Structures are given as C-alpha cells and as structure tokens.
Amino acid sequence: MKKSVKTVVSLALLLLLVFVPLTQGLAAHAEVIFEIGEEARKVELTVASAPPRKAVKLSAITDNSHYSYFQADTSLRLTFTAAEPVKALYFVFEMPCRWTLILPDGSEMQRGENEFLHEYIGLEQEVTRFEASLPEGSILTEVYAFTAGTLPDWVQVWKPPCEKADLMLMSTHADDEYLWFGGALPYYAGELGYQVQVVYLTNHYNDTERGHELLNGLWTVGVRNYPVITDQFLDDPLTKRSLTAAADYFGYDRVMEFQVEMLRRFAPRVILAQDINGEYGHGAHKLNVKTLLEALQMYQDPSVYPESAEKYGIHPVQKCYLHLWEEHPITVQWSDKILERFGGRSALEMAIEGYRCHRSQQRWSFRVKEYDKYDCRQFGLVYTNVGYDTPGVNDMFEHVDWSDTAEKENGTEEDTESLPPETESASEDGVVLSEKKTGIHLFGKDILYNDAVFAAMACVLSFFAIIAVVCLRRPR
C-alpha cells in the first residue's frame, strides 16, 4: 500500500513539473499570439446595363461559373448593386481588354493595362454600388464582390510579369508546364520563392475553359507573377502535324522575334524548355524549341530585332535545359523534394495537383509521371555560360551567378516586393497578427489558445488515468 502511494505521488509530481510551466506560459506570454483573421464574405450582386440587355444574358456574370459569359456587342456600362458594403472586387474575363471601374463618388479607375484575365481590385472605401464601362467585344465571365477581411485562397492577386527572371519556363500550351517539367513550378516558385516567369508560345482564346484552367493551375502551385500569354499565336490543331506545318501557320520569323524578345525582356538565369522532338512529336512543341535554340545564338546581337534590344537591353542567359535532352543530363527527383509551403507534399504531388486544374484536358491519356518515356525528371544542359554541371549534383542552378541580386540564404530568396496598396487587406496565407489574448508562446512556438487548453486537459486526464491504473492494481 505504501509503495503504491509513493508511486502515485511521484507520478503526480512529475506531471506537475510539466503542467505548471505550461500554465505559467499561458500567463506570461498571453499577449504574443497569432489569430486566424476573419475571412471576407462573398456578397450577392445584382446587375443592370445601359443600354439595356436581357437579364438572362447578364445573369452569366453572377452565376459563380467561369464557363458561362456575357459578351458586349457594343460599348456599354454595367451597374452593380451589392447586398452589403464591399471592400474588394474580382473580375474574370475571357480575353484581355481595357475597361473602366467607376465608383459612387464619380472617380474612375482604368483597368486591364496588365491584360490579366483574373483581376483583383481592392477598394479604399466600402461601397454598395459600382459600375464597369466595357468596350465593344469584351467578354466578361464573372464578377465577385467581398466584404473586408482575408480573401479566400481561390482569389488570385497577380503580380505583373517579372522584371528579371531566375527561371523562365517555356511552355507551348497550357498544361505542358506540368506534364514535361514535373515539379519545377511548385518547387522553384512555390517553395523557394524564386522569380519564375512562365511564357506560353500559344494562347487558347478560342476555348472558353483553358485560359482559366491555366491561371488556376499556376496559382495552385505557387506562381504569383502573371504569365506571358501572347495574342500572336492562337492554338490550332493544324500545328500538331509537323514542324513545317506549325512554322507555316505561325510564321517562322514572327516566332523567332518573339523568342528573342522574351530572352531580352526577362534576362533569365536559367531556362527550361521542352523536348526538341516535340515530346510526342507535336509540331508546335518542335517549333518552340528550335526557335529558342536559334534565338540563344543571336539575342546578344543588337542589330537582330533592334526594337527589343533598345527596349530591354541585352543581358546574358546563364543556362538552358531541355526536357529529355541526352547530353549533359541531370535527373531532378521531384518526388523527393518535400515542400513546407504546401503542407509537406512533394513537388511531384503539387505538379499533379496543378495539372488537375486543367479539367478539359483530363480526357487525354497524358499524366504527370516519373519513370516512363516522358519522364518529367529528365533534363539535359543544352546551353551554358557558366560551365557544365557536376555529375550527380542534379541542380539546375549549380554554378549560377547571383551577384546581381540580394544574397540568398540556404538557396532561397525571400520575396520582399510589397503588394500594391489596393491589396493590403488581403493575406496570402490567411494568418494575421493580433493583440487579443487567444494564444501562448511556448518553446519558441506560437500556439493558439484552444491548442494550449487541449494540452492542459490532456495532462490532467493522463494524471487521473495513471491514478486509476495504480488503484486497480493495488492489493486487496
């Protein structure tokens, strides 16, 4: 009996040694906490137009679907009325256009200069009414309005394209960026925070789905700089047949000029491009790579397409990799790259998630895969100004010169570029600082109050459970 009592007392003292510091932490650090910010609410909108349009057509703007749209057959003004005051707007277009937002005080905001299909607008003052002046031919898919607060994570607050890219990924079509390059975007853009610029050779403005799928995929994997989607080269099935067919359709020299301009505009340290054989033989893929390799040999000559040389200057590209290129090969194990910013998922898993956003393309047999003939881990160094890679290192940024940028810590660079004033109310991760006493600081960690209470209760329950076990085992 005495031995059992001593055991209970000893265990109780041990638990108190753990529990007391926890409760002291609650008192001493209650003011240092993190709180989940209040999420902005989506507000119901009603819409009318001048000149008048049928209500059934206007309803496409507020039906919460990117697959229905309203097309302006003439220049017109839409008037939106919100059910309660709103602080943020989100316009979704089918094609880029210049348009004007008009607020109740008569002030006008010129929009569309960046050619964003998905355009977020933060307002300085809450409003219950606003207008949009649209040009003839514009196609508006959806308009959302939100109260003040943290935006839902599906609202895309895009930054303009990079001024200088650490990585420029050259994709021929929407979805190529995952199928052939695997986890490059979630790893370099989403996890490491590199300046990543995605450039598409073709656009899908003849398809009501693919433009939205493209942006949704990039946003999902952590890309925040808006991609280049040129209006010069509309995707067409004819270009699939052969390199010659694609060159004839798009115009070889026009594509060459575009490639040289992209090299000068973004001055990328590293370029990722597709298989020179077109992956599965697609003519537009072949044209994209062939013209890129030729552009790498001439872009430093200012007499070649002098307009872009004068506009952007000329800066050396350091490295270029092609998918499945056999010389100077590297194998990037995307499935081994665990991404903290995506909850511990791998770069490969996030690439698969990005590809799933391309819902219209899931009917085809292509998938993001390792270990097959389209292995998304396999690349080869086709161009370098900084020497060849060390065998076995498998690092695309090996030997890259970072001397013209801020020093990187552990191979990453924090994005210190602040959001425009209109987006300050938005939080990308939904967590904001607060002074309310809803948490504690313990062992160098910020813990929500509910978690602390749960831990304390667990200690108390464990204490009583041990007492019960000891008492049950006591000799009768």
Protein backbone atom coordinates (compact mmCIF):
# COMPACT_ATOMS: atom_id res chain seq x y z
CA MET A 1 0.00 0.00 0.00
CA LYS A 2 2.74 2.44 0.98
CA LYS A 3 4.62 1.58 -2.21
CA SER A 4 1.53 2.35 -4.33
CA VAL A 5 1.03 5.69 -2.61
CA LYS A 6 4.66 6.63 -3.20
CA THR A 7 4.29 5.71 -6.86
CA VAL A 8 1.19 7.87 -7.24
CA VAL A 9 2.86 10.83 -5.50
CA SER A 10 5.97 10.52 -7.67
CA LEU A 11 3.93 10.44 -10.86
CA ALA A 12 1.83 13.36 -9.70
CA LEU A 13 4.95 15.45 -9.01
CA LEU A 14 6.33 14.55 -12.44
CA LEU A 15 3.13 15.64 -14.17
CA LEU A 16 3.07 18.87 -12.17
CA LEU A 17 6.59 19.65 -13.32
CA VAL A 18 5.25 19.52 -16.88
CA PHE A 19 1.87 21.13 -16.26
CA VAL A 20 2.98 24.12 -14.13
CA PRO A 21 5.39 25.55 -16.74
CA LEU A 22 2.60 25.20 -19.29
CA THR A 23 0.18 27.25 -17.18
CA GLN A 24 2.92 29.80 -16.47
CA GLY A 25 3.39 30.10 -20.21
CA LEU A 26 -0.28 30.96 -20.53
CA ALA A 27 0.11 33.85 -18.11
CA ALA A 28 3.49 35.16 -19.21
CA HIS A 29 3.02 35.10 -22.99
CA ALA A 30 -0.70 35.54 -23.47
CA GLU A 31 -0.21 38.77 -25.45
CA VAL A 32 2.11 37.21 -28.07
CA ILE A 33 -0.25 35.26 -30.30
CA PHE A 34 -1.43 34.56 -33.80
CA GLU A 35 -5.07 34.64 -34.75
CA ILE A 36 -6.81 33.41 -37.84
CA GLY A 37 -8.11 36.57 -39.50
CA GLU A 38 -11.79 36.98 -40.30
CA GLU A 39 -12.45 35.70 -43.79
CA ALA A 40 -14.01 38.08 -46.28
CA ARG A 41 -17.55 37.10 -47.22
CA LYS A 42 -18.71 36.88 -50.81
CA VAL A 43 -21.58 39.33 -51.32
CA GLU A 44 -24.53 38.82 -53.65
CA LEU A 45 -24.61 41.21 -56.61
CA THR A 46 -27.38 42.35 -58.93
CA VAL A 47 -26.51 43.85 -62.30
CA ALA A 48 -28.14 46.08 -64.89
CA SER A 49 -26.81 47.53 -68.12
CA ALA A 50 -27.07 50.71 -70.15
CA PRO A 51 -28.02 50.31 -72.95
CA PRO A 52 -30.35 47.62 -71.51
CA ARG A 53 -29.61 43.93 -72.10
CA LYS A 54 -31.67 40.84 -71.39
CA ALA A 55 -31.47 39.75 -67.78
CA VAL A 56 -30.84 36.15 -68.83
CA LYS A 57 -27.62 37.20 -70.55
CA LEU A 58 -26.47 39.38 -67.66
CA SER A 59 -27.04 36.56 -65.19
CA ALA A 60 -23.95 34.80 -66.60
CA ILE A 61 -21.82 37.39 -64.81
CA THR A 62 -23.06 36.41 -61.35
CA ASP A 63 -23.73 32.66 -61.63
CA ASN A 64 -20.44 31.61 -59.97
CA SER A 65 -19.25 29.84 -63.12
CA HIS A 66 -16.25 30.52 -65.35
CA TYR A 67 -17.90 28.51 -68.11
CA SER A 68 -20.67 30.99 -68.89
CA TYR A 69 -20.08 34.56 -70.02
CA PHE A 70 -21.57 37.85 -71.20
CA GLN A 71 -20.25 39.42 -74.40
CA ALA A 72 -20.69 43.13 -75.06
CA ASP A 73 -21.98 43.59 -78.62
CA THR A 74 -21.40 47.32 -78.22
CA SER A 75 -19.68 49.55 -75.66
CA LEU A 76 -21.86 49.71 -72.57
CA ARG A 77 -21.93 50.38 -68.84
CA LEU A 78 -22.85 47.77 -66.24
CA THR A 79 -24.20 48.87 -62.85
CA PHE A 80 -23.67 46.51 -59.92
CA THR A 81 -25.55 46.73 -56.61
CA ALA A 82 -24.23 44.82 -53.59
CA ALA A 83 -26.40 43.36 -50.83
CA GLU A 84 -23.99 44.83 -48.23
CA PRO A 85 -20.87 47.05 -48.27
CA VAL A 86 -17.94 45.54 -50.16
CA LYS A 87 -14.21 46.27 -50.00
CA ALA A 88 -12.81 44.08 -52.78
CA LEU A 89 -13.80 43.12 -56.31
CA TYR A 90 -12.69 40.26 -58.56
CA PHE A 91 -13.37 40.44 -62.31
CA VAL A 92 -12.90 37.41 -64.55
CA PHE A 93 -12.60 37.98 -68.32
CA GLU A 94 -12.48 35.55 -71.21
CA MET A 95 -9.95 37.68 -73.11
CA PRO A 96 -7.81 40.67 -72.05
CA CYS A 97 -9.41 44.08 -72.50
CA ARG A 98 -9.08 47.66 -71.28
CA TRP A 99 -12.04 48.76 -69.19
CA THR A 100 -13.00 51.34 -66.55
CA LEU A 101 -14.27 50.91 -63.00
CA ILE A 102 -16.48 53.80 -61.82
CA LEU A 103 -17.09 54.34 -58.09
CA PRO A 104 -20.07 56.10 -56.45
CA ASP A 105 -18.14 59.37 -55.99
CA GLY A 106 -17.57 59.53 -59.75
CA SER A 107 -13.90 58.57 -59.61
CA GLU A 108 -12.65 56.26 -62.35
CA MET A 109 -10.05 53.52 -62.26
CA GLN A 110 -8.52 52.43 -65.57
CA ARG A 111 -8.17 48.67 -65.54
CA GLY A 112 -6.87 45.97 -67.86
CA GLU A 113 -3.48 47.57 -68.55
CA ASN A 114 -1.74 44.38 -67.36
CA GLU A 115 -4.00 42.20 -69.53
CA PHE A 116 -4.97 40.00 -66.58
CA LEU A 117 -7.87 37.64 -67.25
CA HIS A 118 -8.42 37.34 -63.48
CA GLU A 119 -8.18 40.82 -61.97
CA TYR A 120 -8.45 41.64 -58.27
CA ILE A 121 -9.29 45.20 -57.20
CA GLY A 122 -9.03 46.39 -53.60
CA LEU A 123 -11.04 49.48 -52.71
CA GLU A 124 -10.04 52.23 -50.28
CA GLN A 125 -13.63 52.71 -49.11
CA GLU A 126 -16.52 50.30 -48.79
CA VAL A 127 -19.21 50.67 -51.45
CA THR A 128 -22.60 49.16 -52.19
CA ARG A 129 -22.69 50.26 -55.81
CA PHE A 130 -20.15 50.44 -58.63
CA GLU A 131 -20.07 50.49 -62.42
CA ALA A 132 -17.94 48.95 -65.13
CA SER A 133 -17.57 50.55 -68.56
CA LEU A 134 -16.79 47.81 -71.08
CA PRO A 135 -15.61 48.16 -74.69
CA GLU A 136 -17.35 46.52 -77.61
CA GLY A 137 -16.40 42.88 -77.99
CA SER A 138 -15.26 42.39 -74.40
CA ILE A 139 -16.21 39.07 -72.80
CA LEU A 140 -16.89 39.11 -69.05
CA THR A 141 -17.17 35.74 -67.36
CA GLU A 142 -17.81 36.54 -63.70
CA VAL A 143 -17.76 39.36 -61.14
CA TYR A 144 -17.30 38.70 -57.41
CA ALA A 145 -17.51 41.15 -54.52
CA PHE A 146 -16.22 40.68 -50.96
CA THR A 147 -16.51 42.32 -47.58
CA ALA A 148 -13.39 43.48 -45.74
CA GLY A 149 -11.23 40.64 -44.43
CA THR A 150 -8.92 37.89 -45.57
CA LEU A 151 -9.68 36.82 -49.12
CA PRO A 152 -10.49 33.19 -49.94
CA ASP A 153 -7.40 31.45 -51.28
CA TRP A 154 -9.01 30.97 -54.72
CA VAL A 155 -9.00 34.72 -55.35
CA GLN A 156 -5.90 35.39 -57.44
CA VAL A 157 -3.98 38.58 -56.67
CA TRP A 158 -1.49 38.56 -59.53
CA LYS A 159 1.75 40.49 -59.71
CA PRO A 160 2.95 41.75 -63.09
CA PRO A 161 5.43 39.59 -65.01
CA CYS A 162 8.99 39.52 -63.63
CA GLU A 163 11.41 42.28 -64.46
CA LYS A 164 14.23 39.74 -64.33
CA ALA A 165 13.63 36.01 -64.06
CA ASP A 166 15.63 33.48 -62.08
CA LEU A 167 13.83 30.78 -64.07
CA MET A 168 11.96 31.17 -67.35
CA LEU A 169 9.81 28.17 -68.20
CA MET A 170 8.88 27.98 -71.89
CA SER A 171 5.56 26.17 -72.32
CA THR A 172 3.93 25.72 -75.72
CA HIS A 173 0.40 25.08 -74.46
CA ALA A 174 -1.48 25.31 -71.18
CA ASP A 175 -0.74 22.08 -69.22
CA ASP A 176 2.71 21.48 -70.80
CA GLU A 177 4.21 23.19 -67.74
CA TYR A 178 3.38 20.14 -65.58
CA LEU A 179 3.47 17.20 -67.98
CA TRP A 180 7.04 17.77 -69.14
CA PHE A 181 8.62 19.79 -66.32
CA GLY A 182 7.14 17.98 -63.33
CA GLY A 183 7.61 19.80 -60.03
CA ALA A 184 9.66 22.73 -61.35
CA LEU A 185 6.97 25.36 -60.71
CA PRO A 186 5.86 24.28 -57.20
CA TYR A 187 9.49 23.81 -56.16
CA TYR A 188 11.19 26.91 -57.55
CA ALA A 189 8.26 29.34 -57.42
CA GLY A 190 6.07 27.97 -54.64
CA GLU A 191 8.66 26.62 -52.21
CA LEU A 192 11.90 28.52 -52.86
CA GLY A 193 10.28 31.79 -53.89
CA TYR A 194 12.46 32.29 -56.96
CA GLN A 195 11.42 34.82 -59.58
CA VAL A 196 9.78 32.42 -62.03
CA GLN A 197 8.36 33.56 -65.35
CA VAL A 198 6.14 31.23 -67.35
CA VAL A 199 5.95 32.02 -71.08
CA TYR A 200 3.38 30.36 -73.34
CA LEU A 201 4.02 30.29 -77.07
CA THR A 202 0.32 29.86 -77.90
CA ASN A 203 -2.92 31.20 -76.47
CA HIS A 204 -6.29 29.45 -76.05
CA TYR A 205 -8.58 32.42 -76.52
CA ASN A 206 -10.73 30.25 -78.80
CA ASP A 207 -11.53 27.98 -75.84
CA THR A 208 -13.84 29.08 -73.03
CA GLU A 209 -12.12 26.88 -70.44
CA ARG A 210 -8.37 26.67 -70.95
CA GLY A 211 -7.39 30.23 -70.10
CA HIS A 212 -8.99 29.93 -66.66
CA GLU A 213 -7.52 26.46 -66.15
CA LEU A 214 -4.08 27.83 -66.99
CA LEU A 215 -4.28 30.56 -64.34
CA ASN A 216 -5.90 28.30 -61.73
CA GLY A 217 -3.10 25.77 -62.16
CA LEU A 218 -0.31 28.33 -61.82
CA TRP A 219 -1.94 29.85 -58.74
CA THR A 220 -2.34 26.40 -57.17
CA VAL A 221 1.38 25.60 -57.44
CA GLY A 222 2.54 28.96 -56.08
CA VAL A 223 3.31 31.06 -59.17
CA ARG A 224 2.47 34.70 -58.43
CA ASN A 225 3.93 36.59 -61.41
CA TYR A 226 1.43 36.70 -64.25
CA PRO A 227 2.44 34.55 -67.23
CA VAL A 228 3.13 35.78 -70.74
CA ILE A 229 0.19 34.76 -72.92
CA THR A 230 0.86 36.29 -76.30
CA ASP A 231 -2.04 37.16 -78.58
CA GLN A 232 0.09 36.47 -81.67
CA PHE A 233 -0.19 32.69 -81.87
CA LEU A 234 -3.64 31.18 -81.47
CA ASP A 235 -3.51 27.44 -80.81
CA ASP A 236 -4.77 25.38 -83.72
CA PRO A 237 -4.87 21.60 -84.38
CA LEU A 238 -3.11 22.19 -87.71
CA THR A 239 0.12 22.97 -85.87
CA LYS A 240 0.27 19.48 -84.37
CA ARG A 241 1.09 17.79 -87.68
CA SER A 242 4.72 18.83 -88.09
CA LEU A 243 7.35 21.47 -87.50
CA THR A 244 6.77 22.74 -91.04
CA ALA A 245 3.02 22.98 -90.52
CA ALA A 246 3.50 24.96 -87.27
CA ALA A 247 6.10 27.26 -88.86
CA ASP A 248 3.84 27.96 -91.83
CA TYR A 249 0.82 28.63 -89.62
CA PHE A 250 2.51 30.91 -87.07
CA GLY A 251 5.22 32.39 -89.29
CA TYR A 252 8.77 31.30 -88.51
CA ASP A 253 10.23 34.80 -88.33
CA ARG A 254 7.42 36.03 -86.08
CA VAL A 255 8.16 33.21 -83.63
CA MET A 256 11.89 33.99 -83.82
CA GLU A 257 11.25 37.63 -82.98
CA PHE A 258 9.06 36.60 -80.04
CA GLN A 259 11.76 34.28 -78.65
CA VAL A 260 14.48 36.92 -78.88
CA GLU A 261 12.19 39.45 -77.17
CA MET A 262 11.50 37.07 -74.28
CA LEU A 263 15.23 36.45 -73.73
CA ARG A 264 15.91 40.18 -73.64
CA ARG A 265 12.83 41.12 -71.62
CA PHE A 266 13.32 38.65 -68.77
CA ALA A 267 17.12 38.06 -68.90
CA PRO A 268 16.63 34.64 -67.27
CA ARG A 269 19.41 32.94 -65.34
CA VAL A 270 18.03 29.50 -66.24
CA ILE A 271 15.62 28.44 -68.98
CA LEU A 272 13.52 25.27 -69.06
CA ALA A 273 12.18 24.22 -72.45
CA GLN A 274 10.54 21.17 -73.98
CA ASP A 275 11.88 18.15 -75.83
CA ILE A 276 13.43 19.05 -79.18
CA ASN A 277 11.49 16.15 -80.72
CA GLY A 278 8.19 17.64 -79.63
CA GLU A 279 7.61 15.22 -76.73
CA TYR A 280 5.15 13.04 -78.67
CA GLY A 281 6.02 14.72 -81.99
CA HIS A 282 3.82 17.84 -81.75
CA GLY A 283 4.85 20.37 -84.41
CA ALA A 284 4.30 23.46 -82.24
CA HIS A 285 6.48 21.95 -79.49
CA LYS A 286 9.25 21.38 -82.03
CA LEU A 287 8.93 24.93 -83.35
CA ASN A 288 9.08 26.39 -79.84
CA VAL A 289 12.36 24.62 -79.05
CA LYS A 290 14.02 25.08 -82.45
CA THR A 291 13.40 28.84 -82.48
CA LEU A 292 14.51 29.16 -78.85
CA LEU A 293 17.85 27.49 -79.57
CA GLU A 294 18.38 29.74 -82.56
CA ALA A 295 17.41 32.79 -80.52
CA LEU A 296 20.04 31.88 -77.91
CA GLN A 297 22.67 32.23 -80.64
CA MET A 298 21.57 35.67 -81.82
CA TYR A 299 19.82 37.57 -79.00
CA GLN A 300 23.04 39.30 -77.89
CA ASP A 301 23.41 40.97 -81.32
CA PRO A 302 21.61 44.34 -81.06
CA SER A 303 21.18 44.50 -84.83
CA VAL A 304 18.88 41.47 -84.68
CA TYR A 305 15.33 42.68 -83.98
CA PRO A 306 16.70 46.02 -82.73
CA GLU A 307 13.37 47.19 -81.26
CA SER A 308 13.50 44.73 -78.35
CA ALA A 309 17.24 45.33 -77.88
CA GLU A 310 16.58 49.05 -77.47
CA LYS A 311 13.56 48.49 -75.20
CA TYR A 312 15.00 45.89 -72.82
CA GLY A 313 18.75 45.91 -73.30
CA ILE A 314 20.79 42.72 -73.54
CA HIS A 315 21.79 40.57 -70.56
CA PRO A 316 23.40 37.13 -70.78
CA VAL A 317 21.38 33.96 -70.18
CA GLN A 318 23.36 31.59 -67.97
CA LYS A 319 21.87 28.13 -68.63
CA CYS A 320 19.21 26.38 -70.69
CA TYR A 321 17.85 22.86 -70.13
CA LEU A 322 15.68 20.82 -72.46
CA HIS A 323 13.37 18.04 -71.38
CA LEU A 324 14.79 14.62 -72.34
CA TRP A 325 17.97 16.14 -73.86
CA GLU A 326 20.56 13.35 -73.70
CA GLU A 327 23.78 15.38 -73.47
CA HIS A 328 24.96 16.61 -70.03
CA PRO A 329 21.90 15.01 -68.37
CA ILE A 330 20.52 15.66 -64.90
CA THR A 331 17.75 13.86 -63.03
CA VAL A 332 15.67 16.01 -60.68
CA GLN A 333 13.83 13.84 -58.14
CA TRP A 334 10.65 15.88 -57.76
CA SER A 335 9.06 13.24 -55.53
CA ASP A 336 11.91 13.65 -53.02
CA LYS A 337 11.51 17.43 -52.75
CA ILE A 338 9.21 17.97 -49.77
CA LEU A 339 7.56 21.38 -49.77
CA GLU A 340 6.87 23.03 -46.41
CA ARG A 341 4.76 25.73 -48.03
CA PHE A 342 2.39 23.05 -49.29
CA GLY A 343 1.97 21.15 -46.03
CA GLY A 344 4.72 18.59 -46.63
CA ARG A 345 3.53 17.46 -50.03
CA SER A 346 6.16 16.70 -52.66
CA ALA A 347 6.91 18.78 -55.74
CA LEU A 348 5.60 15.91 -57.87
CA GLU A 349 2.32 15.77 -55.94
CA MET A 350 1.84 19.51 -56.40
CA ALA A 351 2.59 19.24 -60.12
CA ILE A 352 -0.15 16.61 -60.35
CA GLU A 353 -2.45 18.98 -58.43
CA GLY A 354 -1.63 21.78 -60.87
CA TYR A 355 -2.38 19.53 -63.84
CA ARG A 356 -5.74 18.56 -62.32
CA CYS A 357 -6.79 22.21 -62.67
CA HIS A 358 -6.80 21.59 -66.44
CA ARG A 359 -10.13 19.83 -66.27
CA SER A 360 -10.77 19.98 -70.01
CA GLN A 361 -7.56 18.05 -70.70
CA GLN A 362 -8.18 15.12 -68.39
CA ARG A 363 -9.88 13.25 -71.22
CA TRP A 364 -6.48 12.58 -72.78
CA SER A 365 -4.11 9.83 -71.62
CA PHE A 366 -1.28 12.18 -70.60
CA ARG A 367 -0.35 12.31 -66.91
CA VAL A 368 2.45 13.83 -64.85
CA LYS A 369 4.76 10.84 -64.46
CA GLU A 370 8.20 9.71 -63.46
CA TYR A 371 9.88 6.59 -64.88
CA ASP A 372 8.20 6.47 -68.29
CA LYS A 373 9.16 7.66 -71.78
CA TYR A 374 8.06 11.21 -70.91
CA ASP A 375 9.84 11.09 -67.52
CA CYS A 376 9.44 14.58 -66.05
CA ARG A 377 12.68 14.19 -64.05
CA GLN A 378 15.00 14.02 -67.06
CA PHE A 379 16.67 17.11 -68.50
CA GLY A 380 19.87 17.94 -70.35
CA LEU A 381 22.01 21.07 -70.42
CA VAL A 382 21.92 22.38 -73.97
CA TYR A 383 23.37 25.89 -73.40
CA THR A 384 25.65 27.35 -70.72
CA ASN A 385 27.67 30.45 -69.98
CA VAL A 386 28.77 29.22 -66.54
CA GLY A 387 30.29 25.82 -67.22
CA TYR A 388 28.92 22.30 -67.15
CA ASP A 389 27.14 20.63 -64.26
CA THR A 390 28.89 18.33 -61.81
CA PRO A 391 27.72 14.74 -62.44
CA GLY A 392 25.38 13.55 -59.73
CA VAL A 393 24.58 17.00 -58.28
CA ASN A 394 21.39 17.35 -60.35
CA ASP A 395 20.89 21.03 -59.56
CA MET A 396 19.65 23.31 -62.33
CA PHE A 397 21.05 26.34 -60.52
CA GLU A 398 24.54 24.90 -59.96
CA HIS A 399 27.22 27.49 -60.84
CA VAL A 400 24.59 30.20 -61.41
CA ASP A 401 25.87 33.70 -60.67
CA TRP A 402 23.68 35.53 -58.14
CA SER A 403 25.97 38.54 -57.74
CA ASP A 404 23.45 40.99 -59.22
CA THR A 405 20.74 40.22 -56.68
CA ALA A 406 20.28 40.14 -52.92
CA GLU A 407 22.22 37.40 -51.16
CA LYS A 408 20.22 34.20 -50.87
CA GLU A 409 20.04 32.24 -47.65
CA ASN A 410 20.10 28.46 -47.97
CA GLY A 411 19.49 28.81 -51.68
CA THR A 412 16.27 30.80 -51.30
CA GLU A 413 15.42 34.46 -51.52
CA GLU A 414 12.59 36.00 -49.58
CA ASP A 415 10.18 37.97 -51.72
CA THR A 416 10.48 41.47 -50.31
CA GLU A 417 8.37 43.07 -53.01
CA SER A 418 5.31 44.54 -51.32
CA LEU A 419 1.83 44.16 -52.72
CA PRO A 420 0.20 47.23 -54.27
CA PRO A 421 -1.74 49.39 -51.77
CA GLU A 422 -5.02 48.04 -53.12
CA THR A 423 -4.19 44.53 -51.88
CA GLU A 424 -3.00 45.33 -48.38
CA SER A 425 -6.18 44.00 -46.82
CA ALA A 426 -5.53 40.60 -48.34
CA SER A 427 -3.38 37.98 -46.65
CA GLU A 428 -2.00 35.21 -48.84
CA ASP A 429 -1.82 32.67 -46.04
CA GLY A 430 -4.83 33.87 -44.04
CA VAL A 431 -2.86 34.49 -40.81
CA VAL A 432 -2.58 37.95 -39.29
CA LEU A 433 -1.05 39.32 -36.10
CA SER A 434 -3.44 40.19 -33.30
CA GLU A 435 -3.26 41.55 -29.76
CA LYS A 436 -6.19 39.53 -28.42
CA LYS A 437 -5.31 37.04 -25.69
CA THR A 438 -6.10 33.92 -27.64
CA GLY A 439 -2.81 32.03 -27.53
CA ILE A 440 0.57 31.46 -25.90
CA HIS A 441 4.25 31.44 -26.77
CA LEU A 442 5.85 28.18 -25.70
CA PHE A 443 9.20 26.55 -26.54
CA GLY A 444 9.77 29.16 -29.24
CA LYS A 445 6.40 28.45 -30.89
CA ASP A 446 3.18 30.48 -31.13
CA ILE A 447 0.28 28.26 -30.07
CA LEU A 448 -3.41 29.06 -30.40
CA TYR A 449 -5.28 29.22 -27.08
CA ASN A 450 -7.52 26.27 -27.95
CA ASP A 451 -4.44 24.10 -28.53
CA ALA A 452 -2.98 25.15 -25.17
CA VAL A 453 -6.21 24.31 -23.34
CA PHE A 454 -6.31 20.96 -25.09
CA ALA A 455 -2.74 20.20 -23.97
CA ALA A 456 -3.54 21.15 -20.37
CA MET A 457 -6.64 18.98 -20.34
CA ALA A 458 -4.64 16.10 -21.78
CA CYS A 459 -2.16 16.38 -18.89
CA VAL A 460 -4.96 16.37 -16.30
CA LEU A 461 -6.71 13.39 -17.89
CA SER A 462 -3.41 11.50 -18.09
CA PHE A 463 -2.83 12.16 -14.39
CA PHE A 464 -6.20 10.72 -13.39
CA ALA A 465 -5.76 7.77 -15.76
CA ILE A 466 -2.49 6.84 -14.05
CA ILE A 467 -4.12 7.09 -10.62
CA ALA A 468 -6.91 4.78 -11.78
CA VAL A 469 -4.47 2.20 -13.11
CA VAL A 470 -2.45 2.22 -9.88
CA CYS A 471 -5.56 1.90 -7.73
CA LEU A 472 -6.86 -1.02 -9.78
CA ARG A 473 -3.58 -2.86 -9.32
CA ARG A 474 -3.50 -2.23 -5.53
CA PRO A 475 -3.53 -5.47 -3.46
CA ARG A 476 -6.89 -6.16 -1.83
